[in-house]
């Protein structure tokens, strides 16, 4: 497995929407990285999160768990985590595990931004 690289940018009025762009694998080793980013955004009072998975080719159960652990806290603050640009393999697991019942999914960052505005 390879490392996970993350970039965070902001959009919207007062930069209230965090756009988290991930590249690599989200597995047992790298889950801590994505989880720290999510926790940091919550600490910054960023409750509208877009996670761009365009360059993520694999997410294991611990990776999905990181998103699940933080979504409850975010939704308490009237926010959400939305996922965008999943590869076919990642999307297949997303659908199989029925995460579409929990997370919104969009084909582009632009569509996700419209969801929040």
PDB file of N, CA and C in Angstrom:
ATOM      1  N   UNK A   1       0.841  -1.181   0.000  1.00  0.00           N
ATOM      2  CA  UNK A   1       0.000   0.000   0.000  1.00  0.00           C
ATOM      3  C   UNK A   1       0.887   1.247   0.000  1.00  0.00           C
ATOM      4  N   UNK A   2       0.313   2.324  -0.469  1.00  0.00           N
ATOM      5  CA  UNK A   2       1.064   3.571  -0.521  1.00  0.00           C
ATOM      6  C   UNK A   2       0.570   4.539   0.531  1.00  0.00           C
ATOM      7  N   UNK A   3       1.258   5.657   0.644  1.00  0.00           N
ATOM      8  CA  UNK A   3       0.872   6.687   1.600  1.00  0.00           C
ATOM      9  C   UNK A   3      -0.398   7.394   1.162  1.00  0.00           C
ATOM     10  N   UNK A   4      -0.941   8.140   2.063  1.00  0.00           N
ATOM     11  CA  UNK A   4      -2.113   8.958   1.795  1.00  0.00           C
ATOM     12  C   UNK A   4      -1.694  10.418   1.865  1.00  0.00           C
ATOM     13  N   UNK A   5      -2.005  11.148   0.804  1.00  0.00           N
ATOM     14  CA  UNK A   5      -1.733  12.583   0.778  1.00  0.00           C
ATOM     15  C   UNK A   5      -3.065  13.316   0.839  1.00  0.00           C
ATOM     16  N   UNK A   6      -3.100  14.380   1.632  1.00  0.00           N
ATOM     17  CA  UNK A   6      -4.340  15.127   1.810  1.00  0.00           C
ATOM     18  C   UNK A   6      -4.051  16.612   1.639  1.00  0.00           C
ATOM     19  N   UNK A   7      -4.921  17.274   0.889  1.00  0.00           N
ATOM     20  CA  UNK A   7      -4.896  18.732   0.776  1.00  0.00           C
ATOM     21  C   UNK A   7      -6.267  19.234   1.215  1.00  0.00           C
ATOM     22  N   UNK A   8      -6.281  20.335   1.943  1.00  0.00           N
ATOM     23  CA  UNK A   8      -7.539  20.921   2.376  1.00  0.00           C
ATOM     24  C   UNK A   8      -7.603  22.350   1.847  1.00  0.00           C
ATOM     25  N   UNK A   9      -8.731  22.670   1.237  1.00  0.00           N
ATOM     26  CA  UNK A   9      -9.000  24.043   0.810  1.00  0.00           C
ATOM     27  C   UNK A   9     -10.393  24.405   1.305  1.00  0.00           C
ATOM     28  N   UNK A  10     -10.742  25.670   1.151  1.00  0.00           N
ATOM     29  CA  UNK A  10     -12.019  26.134   1.677  1.00  0.00           C
ATOM     30  C   UNK A  10     -12.784  26.904   0.608  1.00  0.00           C
ATOM     31  N   UNK A  11     -14.103  26.858   0.722  1.00  0.00           N
ATOM     32  CA  UNK A  11     -14.976  27.533  -0.227  1.00  0.00           C
ATOM     33  C   UNK A  11     -16.215  28.023   0.507  1.00  0.00           C
ATOM     34  N   UNK A  12     -17.040  28.793  -0.209  1.00  0.00           N
ATOM     35  CA  UNK A  12     -18.290  29.276   0.366  1.00  0.00           C
ATOM     36  C   UNK A  12     -18.115  30.584   1.094  1.00  0.00           C
ATOM     37  N   UNK A  13     -19.238  31.130   1.545  1.00  0.00           N
ATOM     38  CA  UNK A  13     -19.198  32.356   2.344  1.00  0.00           C
ATOM     39  C   UNK A  13     -18.407  32.090   3.611  1.00  0.00           C
ATOM     40  N   UNK A  14     -17.463  32.962   3.894  1.00  0.00           N
ATOM     41  CA  UNK A  14     -16.622  32.828   5.090  1.00  0.00           C
ATOM     42  C   UNK A  14     -15.847  31.512   5.134  1.00  0.00           C
ATOM     43  N   UNK A  15     -15.608  30.901   3.977  1.00  0.00           N
ATOM     44  CA  UNK A  15     -14.843  29.638   3.903  1.00  0.00           C
ATOM     45  C   UNK A  15     -15.409  28.561   4.812  1.00  0.00           C
ATOM     46  N   UNK A  16     -16.744  28.474   4.895  1.00  0.00           N
ATOM     47  CA  UNK A  16     -17.352  27.505   5.817  1.00  0.00           C
ATOM     48  C   UNK A  16     -17.360  26.077   5.290  1.00  0.00           C
ATOM     49  N   UNK A  17     -17.011  25.873   4.028  1.00  0.00           N
ATOM     50  CA  UNK A  17     -17.004  24.531   3.446  1.00  0.00           C
ATOM     51  C   UNK A  17     -15.556  24.087   3.265  1.00  0.00           C
ATOM     52  N   UNK A  18     -15.203  22.980   3.889  1.00  0.00           N
ATOM     53  CA  UNK A  18     -13.862  22.407   3.732  1.00  0.00           C
ATOM     54  C   UNK A  18     -13.896  21.369   2.612  1.00  0.00           C
ATOM     55  N   UNK A  19     -12.951  21.486   1.688  1.00  0.00           N
ATOM     56  CA  UNK A  19     -12.818  20.517   0.610  1.00  0.00           C
ATOM     57  C   UNK A  19     -11.538  19.731   0.881  1.00  0.00           C
ATOM     58  N   UNK A  20     -11.723  18.462   1.174  1.00  0.00           N
ATOM     59  CA  UNK A  20     -10.609  17.579   1.538  1.00  0.00           C
ATOM     60  C   UNK A  20     -10.318  16.701   0.326  1.00  0.00           C
ATOM     61  N   UNK A  21      -9.150  16.881  -0.254  1.00  0.00           N
ATOM     62  CA  UNK A  21      -8.761  16.128  -1.444  1.00  0.00           C
ATOM     63  C   UNK A  21      -7.732  15.081  -1.038  1.00  0.00           C
ATOM     64  N   UNK A  22      -8.101  13.818  -1.232  1.00  0.00           N
ATOM     65  CA  UNK A  22      -7.239  12.710  -0.825  1.00  0.00           C
ATOM     66  C   UNK A  22      -6.624  12.035  -2.051  1.00  0.00           C
ATOM     67  N   UNK A  23      -5.417  11.503  -1.851  1.00  0.00           N
ATOM     68  CA  UNK A  23      -4.733  10.776  -2.924  1.00  0.00           C
ATOM     69  C   UNK A  23      -4.000   9.593  -2.301  1.00  0.00           C
ATOM     70  N   UNK A  24      -4.262   8.400  -2.819  1.00  0.00           N
ATOM     71  CA  UNK A  24      -3.585   7.202  -2.335  1.00  0.00           C
ATOM     72  C   UNK A  24      -4.574   6.156  -1.865  1.00  0.00           C
ATOM     73  N   UNK A  25      -4.198   5.471  -0.803  1.00  0.00           N
ATOM     74  CA  UNK A  25      -5.012   4.415  -0.216  1.00  0.00           C
ATOM     75  C   UNK A  25      -5.455   4.837   1.173  1.00  0.00           C
ATOM     76  N   UNK A  26      -6.694   4.504   1.527  1.00  0.00           N
ATOM     77  CA  UNK A  26      -7.156   4.710   2.898  1.00  0.00           C
ATOM     78  C   UNK A  26      -7.324   3.319   3.490  1.00  0.00           C
ATOM     79  N   UNK A  27      -6.334   2.928   4.273  1.00  0.00           N
ATOM     80  CA  UNK A  27      -6.310   1.593   4.860  1.00  0.00           C
ATOM     81  C   UNK A  27      -6.014   1.696   6.350  1.00  0.00           C
ATOM     82  N   UNK A  28      -5.736   0.579   6.981  1.00  0.00           N
ATOM     83  CA  UNK A  28      -5.498   0.543   8.416  1.00  0.00           C
ATOM     84  C   UNK A  28      -4.375   1.492   8.827  1.00  0.00           C
ATOM     85  N   UNK A  29      -3.358   1.598   8.013  1.00  0.00           N
ATOM     86  CA  UNK A  29      -2.206   2.446   8.341  1.00  0.00           C
ATOM     87  C   UNK A  29      -2.519   3.924   8.139  1.00  0.00           C
ATOM     88  N   UNK A  30      -3.224   4.269   7.070  1.00  0.00           N
ATOM     89  CA  UNK A  30      -3.440   5.674   6.729  1.00  0.00           C
ATOM     90  C   UNK A  30      -4.753   6.260   7.249  1.00  0.00           C
ATOM     91  N   UNK A  31      -5.595   5.443   7.839  1.00  0.00           N
ATOM     92  CA  UNK A  31      -6.866   5.942   8.374  1.00  0.00           C
ATOM     93  C   UNK A  31      -6.647   7.054   9.388  1.00  0.00           C
ATOM     94  N   UNK A  32      -5.600   6.952  10.189  1.00  0.00           N
ATOM     95  CA  UNK A  32      -5.314   7.982  11.186  1.00  0.00           C
ATOM     96  C   UNK A  32      -5.148   9.347  10.525  1.00  0.00           C
ATOM     97  N   UNK A  33      -4.563   9.359   9.338  1.00  0.00           N
ATOM     98  CA  UNK A  33      -4.336  10.618   8.637  1.00  0.00           C
ATOM     99  C   UNK A  33      -5.660  11.287   8.292  1.00  0.00           C
ATOM    100  N   UNK A  34      -6.570  10.561   7.697  1.00  0.00           N
ATOM    101  CA  UNK A  34      -7.856  11.155   7.315  1.00  0.00           C
ATOM    102  C   UNK A  34      -8.665  11.511   8.560  1.00  0.00           C
ATOM    103  N   UNK A  35      -8.587  10.678   9.587  1.00  0.00           N
ATOM    104  CA  UNK A  35      -9.337  10.953  10.808  1.00  0.00           C
ATOM    105  C   UNK A  35      -8.838  12.230  11.485  1.00  0.00           C
ATOM    106  N   UNK A  36      -7.531  12.442  11.514  1.00  0.00           N
ATOM    107  CA  UNK A  36      -6.978  13.664  12.106  1.00  0.00           C
ATOM    108  C   UNK A  36      -7.445  14.899  11.342  1.00  0.00           C
ATOM    109  N   UNK A  37      -7.515  14.785  10.022  1.00  0.00           N
ATOM    110  CA  UNK A  37      -7.984  15.904   9.208  1.00  0.00           C
ATOM    111  C   UNK A  37      -9.443  16.215   9.544  1.00  0.00           C
ATOM    112  N   UNK A  38     -10.280  15.184   9.627  1.00  0.00           N
ATOM    113  CA  UNK A  38     -11.696  15.388   9.955  1.00  0.00           C
ATOM    114  C   UNK A  38     -11.846  16.019  11.337  1.00  0.00           C
ATOM    115  N   UNK A  39     -11.131  15.506  12.314  1.00  0.00           N
ATOM    116  CA  UNK A  39     -11.197  16.042  13.682  1.00  0.00           C
ATOM    117  C   UNK A  39     -10.722  17.489  13.712  1.00  0.00           C
ATOM    118  N   UNK A  40      -9.672  17.780  12.962  1.00  0.00           N
ATOM    119  CA  UNK A  40      -9.149  19.144  12.902  1.00  0.00           C
ATOM    120  C   UNK A  40     -10.187  20.101  12.307  1.00  0.00           C
ATOM    121  N   UNK A  41     -10.895  19.662  11.282  1.00  0.00           N
ATOM    122  CA  UNK A  41     -11.925  20.522  10.679  1.00  0.00           C
ATOM    123  C   UNK A  41     -13.050  20.794  11.669  1.00  0.00           C
ATOM    124  N   UNK A  42     -13.430  19.784  12.432  1.00  0.00           N
ATOM    125  CA  UNK A  42     -14.455  19.972  13.463  1.00  0.00           C
ATOM    126  C   UNK A  42     -13.964  20.972  14.504  1.00  0.00           C
ATOM    127  N   UNK A  43     -12.704  20.850  14.902  1.00  0.00           N
ATOM    128  CA  UNK A  43     -12.128  21.790  15.870  1.00  0.00           C
ATOM    129  C   UNK A  43     -12.138  23.222  15.329  1.00  0.00           C
ATOM    130  N   UNK A  44     -12.009  23.360  14.008  1.00  0.00           N
ATOM    131  CA  UNK A  44     -12.054  24.680  13.356  1.00  0.00           C
ATOM    132  C   UNK A  44     -13.492  25.140  13.093  1.00  0.00           C
ATOM    133  N   UNK A  45     -14.456  24.351  13.571  1.00  0.00           N
ATOM    134  CA  UNK A  45     -15.884  24.615  13.378  1.00  0.00           C
ATOM    135  C   UNK A  45     -16.284  24.586  11.903  1.00  0.00           C
ATOM    136  N   UNK A  46     -15.629  23.709  11.158  1.00  0.00           N
ATOM    137  CA  UNK A  46     -15.986  23.454   9.757  1.00  0.00           C
ATOM    138  C   UNK A  46     -16.846  22.199   9.769  1.00  0.00           C
ATOM    139  N   UNK A  47     -18.149  22.387   9.575  1.00  0.00           N
ATOM    140  CA  UNK A  47     -19.076  21.266   9.655  1.00  0.00           C
ATOM    141  C   UNK A  47     -19.648  20.874   8.298  1.00  0.00           C
ATOM    142  N   UNK A  48     -19.235  21.551   7.264  1.00  0.00           N
ATOM    143  CA  UNK A  48     -19.632  21.200   5.898  1.00  0.00           C
ATOM    144  C   UNK A  48     -18.382  20.703   5.197  1.00  0.00           C
ATOM    145  N   UNK A  49     -18.290  19.391   5.039  1.00  0.00           N
ATOM    146  CA  UNK A  49     -17.075  18.773   4.505  1.00  0.00           C
ATOM    147  C   UNK A  49     -17.365  18.049   3.199  1.00  0.00           C
ATOM    148  N   UNK A  50     -16.553  18.334   2.214  1.00  0.00           N
ATOM    149  CA  UNK A  50     -16.584  17.618   0.947  1.00  0.00           C
ATOM    150  C   UNK A  50     -15.291  16.815   0.874  1.00  0.00           C
ATOM    151  N   UNK A  51     -15.410  15.507   0.709  1.00  0.00           N
ATOM    152  CA  UNK A  51     -14.231  14.655   0.603  1.00  0.00           C
ATOM    153  C   UNK A  51     -14.127  14.191  -0.847  1.00  0.00           C
ATOM    154  N   UNK A  52     -13.106  14.694  -1.527  1.00  0.00           N
ATOM    155  CA  UNK A  52     -12.868  14.356  -2.929  1.00  0.00           C
ATOM    156  C   UNK A  52     -11.997  13.100  -2.985  1.00  0.00           C
ATOM    157  N   UNK A  53     -12.590  12.023  -3.469  1.00  0.00           N
ATOM    158  CA  UNK A  53     -11.912  10.717  -3.497  1.00  0.00           C
ATOM    159  C   UNK A  53     -11.438  10.342  -4.905  1.00  0.00           C
ATOM    160  N   UNK A  54     -11.331  11.325  -5.776  1.00  0.00           N
ATOM    161  CA  UNK A  54     -10.978  11.076  -7.170  1.00  0.00           C
ATOM    162  C   UNK A  54      -9.673  10.284  -7.321  1.00  0.00           C
ATOM    163  N   UNK A  55      -8.708  10.548  -6.474  1.00  0.00           N
ATOM    164  CA  UNK A  55      -7.399   9.887  -6.596  1.00  0.00           C
ATOM    165  C   UNK A  55      -7.171   8.843  -5.516  1.00  0.00           C
ATOM    166  N   UNK A  56      -8.277   8.363  -4.933  1.00  0.00           N
ATOM    167  CA  UNK A  56      -8.200   7.279  -3.949  1.00  0.00           C
ATOM    168  C   UNK A  56      -8.663   6.009  -4.638  1.00  0.00           C
ATOM    169  N   UNK A  57      -7.783   5.014  -4.667  1.00  0.00           N
ATOM    170  CA  UNK A  57      -8.124   3.781  -5.377  1.00  0.00           C
ATOM    171  C   UNK A  57      -8.582   2.656  -4.453  1.00  0.00           C
ATOM    172  N   UNK A  58      -8.510   2.888  -3.143  1.00  0.00           N
ATOM    173  CA  UNK A  58      -8.883   1.822  -2.209  1.00  0.00           C
ATOM    174  C   UNK A  58      -9.240   2.427  -0.862  1.00  0.00           C
ATOM    175  N   UNK A  59     -10.345   1.975  -0.273  1.00  0.00           N
ATOM    176  CA  UNK A  59     -10.711   2.325   1.104  1.00  0.00           C
ATOM    177  C   UNK A  59     -11.134   1.038   1.798  1.00  0.00           C
ATOM    178  N   UNK A  60     -10.460   0.707   2.910  1.00  0.00           N
ATOM    179  CA  UNK A  60     -10.876  -0.490   3.645  1.00  0.00           C
ATOM    180  C   UNK A  60     -11.868  -0.116   4.741  1.00  0.00           C
ATOM    181  N   UNK A  61     -12.267  -1.084   5.528  1.00  0.00           N
ATOM    182  CA  UNK A  61     -13.309  -0.855   6.538  1.00  0.00           C
ATOM    183  C   UNK A  61     -12.892   0.175   7.582  1.00  0.00           C
ATOM    184  N   UNK A  62     -11.618   0.218   7.939  1.00  0.00           N
ATOM    185  CA  UNK A  62     -11.206   1.221   8.923  1.00  0.00           C
ATOM    186  C   UNK A  62     -11.292   2.620   8.328  1.00  0.00           C
ATOM    187  N   UNK A  63     -11.059   2.751   7.042  1.00  0.00           N
ATOM    188  CA  UNK A  63     -11.212   4.041   6.375  1.00  0.00           C
ATOM    189  C   UNK A  63     -12.652   4.506   6.360  1.00  0.00           C
ATOM    190  N   UNK A  64     -13.552   3.600   5.992  1.00  0.00           N
ATOM    191  CA  UNK A  64     -14.982   3.949   6.027  1.00  0.00           C
ATOM    192  C   UNK A  64     -15.397   4.295   7.449  1.00  0.00           C
ATOM    193  N   UNK A  65     -14.831   3.568   8.414  1.00  0.00           N
ATOM    194  CA  UNK A  65     -15.147   3.821   9.820  1.00  0.00           C
ATOM    195  C   UNK A  65     -14.765   5.220  10.262  1.00  0.00           C
ATOM    196  N   UNK A  66     -13.679   5.756   9.725  1.00  0.00           N
ATOM    197  CA  UNK A  66     -13.267   7.124  10.074  1.00  0.00           C
ATOM    198  C   UNK A  66     -14.347   8.125   9.693  1.00  0.00           C
ATOM    199  N   UNK A  67     -14.923   7.955   8.512  1.00  0.00           N
ATOM    200  CA  UNK A  67     -16.007   8.846   8.093  1.00  0.00           C
ATOM    201  C   UNK A  67     -17.232   8.671   8.986  1.00  0.00           C
ATOM    202  N   UNK A  68     -17.553   7.422   9.293  1.00  0.00           N
ATOM    203  CA  UNK A  68     -18.728   7.132  10.117  1.00  0.00           C
ATOM    204  C   UNK A  68     -18.585   7.696  11.535  1.00  0.00           C
ATOM    205  N   UNK A  69     -17.394   7.609  12.103  1.00  0.00           N
ATOM    206  CA  UNK A  69     -17.182   8.084  13.474  1.00  0.00           C
ATOM    207  C   UNK A  69     -17.406   9.587  13.588  1.00  0.00           C
ATOM    208  N   UNK A  70     -17.072  10.332  12.562  1.00  0.00           N
ATOM    209  CA  UNK A  70     -17.151  11.789  12.655  1.00  0.00           C
ATOM    210  C   UNK A  70     -18.480  12.364  12.187  1.00  0.00           C
ATOM    211  N   UNK A  71     -19.247  11.625  11.415  1.00  0.00           N
ATOM    212  CA  UNK A  71     -20.458  12.206  10.832  1.00  0.00           C
ATOM    213  C   UNK A  71     -21.503  12.563  11.889  1.00  0.00           C
ATOM    214  N   UNK A  72     -21.584  11.806  12.955  1.00  0.00           N
ATOM    215  CA  UNK A  72     -22.577  12.090  13.996  1.00  0.00           C
ATOM    216  C   UNK A  72     -22.309  13.452  14.628  1.00  0.00           C
ATOM    217  N   UNK A  73     -21.060  13.721  14.972  1.00  0.00           N
ATOM    218  CA  UNK A  73     -20.681  15.007  15.562  1.00  0.00           C
ATOM    219  C   UNK A  73     -20.963  16.154  14.600  1.00  0.00           C
ATOM    220  N   UNK A  74     -20.646  15.948  13.344  1.00  0.00           N
ATOM    221  CA  UNK A  74     -20.843  16.982  12.328  1.00  0.00           C
ATOM    222  C   UNK A  74     -22.326  17.265  12.130  1.00  0.00           C
ATOM    223  N   UNK A  75     -23.130  16.247  12.090  1.00  0.00           N
ATOM    224  CA  UNK A  75     -24.575  16.448  11.889  1.00  0.00           C
ATOM    225  C   UNK A  75     -25.236  17.095  13.100  1.00  0.00           C
ATOM    226  N   UNK A  76     -24.669  16.912  14.296  1.00  0.00           N
ATOM    227  CA  UNK A  76     -25.188  17.612  15.474  1.00  0.00           C
ATOM    228  C   UNK A  76     -25.091  19.122  15.293  1.00  0.00           C
ATOM    229  N   UNK A  77     -24.134  19.551  14.486  1.00  0.00           N
ATOM    230  CA  UNK A  77     -23.909  20.972  14.220  1.00  0.00           C
ATOM    231  C   UNK A  77     -24.543  21.407  12.896  1.00  0.00           C
ATOM    232  N   UNK A  78     -25.509  20.624  12.417  1.00  0.00           N
ATOM    233  CA  UNK A  78     -26.205  20.895  11.154  1.00  0.00           C
ATOM    234  C   UNK A  78     -25.277  20.888   9.946  1.00  0.00           C
ATOM    235  N   UNK A  79     -24.222  20.106  10.021  1.00  0.00           N
ATOM    236  CA  UNK A  79     -23.304  19.960   8.902  1.00  0.00           C
ATOM    237  C   UNK A  79     -23.450  18.588   8.267  1.00  0.00           C
ATOM    238  N   UNK A  80     -22.504  18.271   7.396  1.00  0.00           N
ATOM    239  CA  UNK A  80     -22.530  16.966   6.736  1.00  0.00           C
ATOM    240  C   UNK A  80     -21.163  16.674   6.128  1.00  0.00           C
ATOM    241  N   UNK A  81     -20.911  15.407   5.902  1.00  0.00           N
ATOM    242  CA  UNK A  81     -19.776  14.953   5.100  1.00  0.00           C
ATOM    243  C   UNK A  81     -20.379  14.420   3.813  1.00  0.00           C
ATOM    244  N   UNK A  82     -19.949  14.963   2.688  1.00  0.00           N
ATOM    245  CA  UNK A  82     -20.383  14.431   1.404  1.00  0.00           C
ATOM    246  C   UNK A  82     -19.154  13.942   0.648  1.00  0.00           C
ATOM    247  N   UNK A  83     -19.348  12.905  -0.118  1.00  0.00           N
ATOM    248  CA  UNK A  83     -18.255  12.274  -0.854  1.00  0.00           C
ATOM    249  C   UNK A  83     -18.421  12.559  -2.336  1.00  0.00           C
ATOM    250  N   UNK A  84     -17.302  12.767  -3.025  1.00  0.00           N
ATOM    251  CA  UNK A  84     -17.347  13.051  -4.459  1.00  0.00           C
ATOM    252  C   UNK A  84     -16.269  12.275  -5.198  1.00  0.00           C
ATOM    253  N   UNK A  85     -16.536  12.061  -6.484  1.00  0.00           N
ATOM    254  CA  UNK A  85     -15.548  11.537  -7.441  1.00  0.00           C
ATOM    255  C   UNK A  85     -14.960  10.174  -7.073  1.00  0.00           C
ATOM    256  N   UNK A  86     -15.766   9.240  -6.627  1.00  0.00           N
ATOM    257  CA  UNK A  86     -15.237   7.910  -6.297  1.00  0.00           C
ATOM    258  C   UNK A  86     -14.887   7.145  -7.568  1.00  0.00           C
ATOM    259  N   UNK A  87     -13.794   6.401  -7.491  1.00  0.00           N
ATOM    260  CA  UNK A  87     -13.443   5.493  -8.587  1.00  0.00           C
ATOM    261  C   UNK A  87     -14.480   4.367  -8.622  1.00  0.00           C
ATOM    262  N   UNK A  88     -14.601   3.667  -9.744  1.00  0.00           N
ATOM    263  CA  UNK A  88     -15.582   2.567  -9.804  1.00  0.00           C
ATOM    264  C   UNK A  88     -15.392   1.523  -8.696  1.00  0.00           C
ATOM    265  N   UNK A  89     -14.148   1.176  -8.384  1.00  0.00           N
ATOM    266  CA  UNK A  89     -13.904   0.171  -7.337  1.00  0.00           C
ATOM    267  C   UNK A  89     -14.340   0.663  -5.962  1.00  0.00           C
ATOM    268  N   UNK A  90     -14.015   1.906  -5.640  1.00  0.00           N
ATOM    269  CA  UNK A  90     -14.402   2.475  -4.351  1.00  0.00           C
ATOM    270  C   UNK A  90     -15.922   2.628  -4.288  1.00  0.00           C
ATOM    271  N   UNK A  91     -16.521   3.080  -5.379  1.00  0.00           N
ATOM    272  CA  UNK A  91     -17.975   3.257  -5.415  1.00  0.00           C
ATOM    273  C   UNK A  91     -18.695   1.917  -5.249  1.00  0.00           C
ATOM    274  N   UNK A  92     -18.142   0.864  -5.815  1.00  0.00           N
ATOM    275  CA  UNK A  92     -18.739  -0.460  -5.702  1.00  0.00           C
ATOM    276  C   UNK A  92     -18.844  -0.892  -4.232  1.00  0.00           C
ATOM    277  N   UNK A  93     -17.789  -0.672  -3.465  1.00  0.00           N
ATOM    278  CA  UNK A  93     -17.809  -1.003  -2.038  1.00  0.00           C
ATOM    279  C   UNK A  93     -18.798  -0.092  -1.315  1.00  0.00           C
ATOM    280  N   UNK A  94     -18.797   1.189  -1.663  1.00  0.00           N
ATOM    281  CA  UNK A  94     -19.723   2.173  -1.091  1.00  0.00           C
ATOM    282  C   UNK A  94     -21.169   1.690  -1.238  1.00  0.00           C
ATOM    283  N   UNK A  95     -21.518   1.227  -2.419  1.00  0.00           N
ATOM    284  CA  UNK A  95     -22.871   0.733  -2.681  1.00  0.00           C
ATOM    285  C   UNK A  95     -23.136  -0.602  -1.986  1.00  0.00           C
ATOM    286  N   UNK A  96     -22.174  -1.509  -2.063  1.00  0.00           N
ATOM    287  CA  UNK A  96     -22.335  -2.833  -1.459  1.00  0.00           C
ATOM    288  C   UNK A  96     -22.566  -2.728   0.049  1.00  0.00           C
ATOM    289  N   UNK A  97     -21.838  -1.825   0.691  1.00  0.00           N
ATOM    290  CA  UNK A  97     -21.966  -1.650   2.136  1.00  0.00           C
ATOM    291  C   UNK A  97     -23.143  -0.748   2.506  1.00  0.00           C
ATOM    292  N   UNK A  98     -23.881  -0.304   1.504  1.00  0.00           N
ATOM    293  CA  UNK A  98     -25.060   0.552   1.680  1.00  0.00           C
ATOM    294  C   UNK A  98     -24.745   1.868   2.389  1.00  0.00           C
ATOM    295  N   UNK A  99     -23.532   2.386   2.166  1.00  0.00           N
ATOM    296  CA  UNK A  99     -23.176   3.681   2.726  1.00  0.00           C
ATOM    297  C   UNK A  99     -23.945   4.815   2.052  1.00  0.00           C
ATOM    298  N   UNK A 100     -24.570   4.524   0.920  1.00  0.00           N
ATOM    299  CA  UNK A 100     -25.392   5.547   0.259  1.00  0.00           C
ATOM    300  C   UNK A 100     -26.614   5.899   1.119  1.00  0.00           C
ATOM    301  N   UNK A 101     -26.930   5.073   2.101  1.00  0.00           N
ATOM    302  CA  UNK A 101     -28.009   5.380   3.044  1.00  0.00           C
ATOM    303  C   UNK A 101     -27.548   6.365   4.125  1.00  0.00           C
ATOM    304  N   UNK A 102     -26.230   6.559   4.220  1.00  0.00           N
ATOM    305  CA  UNK A 102     -25.660   7.405   5.264  1.00  0.00           C
ATOM    306  C   UNK A 102     -25.053   8.679   4.681  1.00  0.00           C
ATOM    307  N   UNK A 103     -24.290   8.532   3.597  1.00  0.00           N
ATOM    308  CA  UNK A 103     -23.559   9.645   2.995  1.00  0.00           C
ATOM    309  C   UNK A 103     -24.166  10.046   1.656  1.00  0.00           C
ATOM    310  N   UNK A 104     -24.175  11.332   1.396  1.00  0.00           N
ATOM    311  CA  UNK A 104     -24.527  11.806   0.066  1.00  0.00           C
ATOM    312  C   UNK A 104     -23.304  11.658  -0.822  1.00  0.00           C
ATOM    313  N   UNK A 105     -23.550  11.360  -2.094  1.00  0.00           N
ATOM    314  CA  UNK A 105     -22.471  11.221  -3.066  1.00  0.00           C
ATOM    315  C   UNK A 105     -22.772  12.096  -4.276  1.00  0.00           C
ATOM    316  N   UNK A 106     -21.752  12.772  -4.758  1.00  0.00           N
ATOM    317  CA  UNK A 106     -21.872  13.607  -5.945  1.00  0.00           C
ATOM    318  C   UNK A 106     -20.749  13.271  -6.913  1.00  0.00           C
ATOM    319  N   UNK A 107     -21.013  13.525  -8.195  1.00  0.00           N
ATOM    320  CA  UNK A 107     -20.016  13.249  -9.231  1.00  0.00           C
ATOM    321  C   UNK A 107     -18.946  14.325  -9.327  1.00  0.00           C
ATOM    322  N   UNK A 108     -19.172  15.478  -8.713  1.00  0.00           N
ATOM    323  CA  UNK A 108     -18.188  16.563  -8.813  1.00  0.00           C
ATOM    324  C   UNK A 108     -18.209  17.419  -7.553  1.00  0.00           C
ATOM    325  N   UNK A 109     -17.109  18.117  -7.343  1.00  0.00           N
ATOM    326  CA  UNK A 109     -17.015  19.060  -6.222  1.00  0.00           C
ATOM    327  C   UNK A 109     -18.044  20.167  -6.422  1.00  0.00           C
ATOM    328  N   UNK A 110     -18.224  20.611  -7.656  1.00  0.00           N
ATOM    329  CA  UNK A 110     -19.175  21.687  -7.939  1.00  0.00           C
ATOM    330  C   UNK A 110     -20.595  21.299  -7.514  1.00  0.00           C
ATOM    331  N   UNK A 111     -21.007  20.059  -7.817  1.00  0.00           N
ATOM    332  CA  UNK A 111     -22.328  19.586  -7.414  1.00  0.00           C
ATOM    333  C   UNK A 111     -22.436  19.531  -5.888  1.00  0.00           C
ATOM    334  N   UNK A 112     -21.384  19.104  -5.224  1.00  0.00           N
ATOM    335  CA  UNK A 112     -21.386  19.037  -3.760  1.00  0.00           C
ATOM    336  C   UNK A 112     -21.472  20.433  -3.152  1.00  0.00           C
ATOM    337  N   UNK A 113     -20.771  21.396  -3.750  1.00  0.00           N
ATOM    338  CA  UNK A 113     -20.842  22.769  -3.267  1.00  0.00           C
ATOM    339  C   UNK A 113     -22.265  23.312  -3.370  1.00  0.00           C
ATOM    340  N   UNK A 114     -22.953  22.996  -4.465  1.00  0.00           N
ATOM    341  CA  UNK A 114     -24.343  23.435  -4.632  1.00  0.00           C
ATOM    342  C   UNK A 114     -25.226  22.829  -3.551  1.00  0.00           C
ATOM    343  N   UNK A 115     -24.921  21.608  -3.130  1.00  0.00           N
ATOM    344  CA  UNK A 115     -25.666  20.955  -2.057  1.00  0.00           C
ATOM    345  C   UNK A 115     -25.622  21.787  -0.766  1.00  0.00           C
ATOM    346  N   UNK A 116     -24.502  22.443  -0.515  1.00  0.00           N
ATOM    347  CA  UNK A 116     -24.330  23.210   0.718  1.00  0.00           C
ATOM    348  C   UNK A 116     -24.780  24.669   0.596  1.00  0.00           C
ATOM    349  N   UNK A 117     -25.022  25.135  -0.627  1.00  0.00           N
ATOM    350  CA  UNK A 117     -25.366  26.569  -0.783  1.00  0.00           C
ATOM    351  C   UNK A 117     -26.810  26.741  -1.191  1.00  0.00           C
TER     352      UNK A 117
END
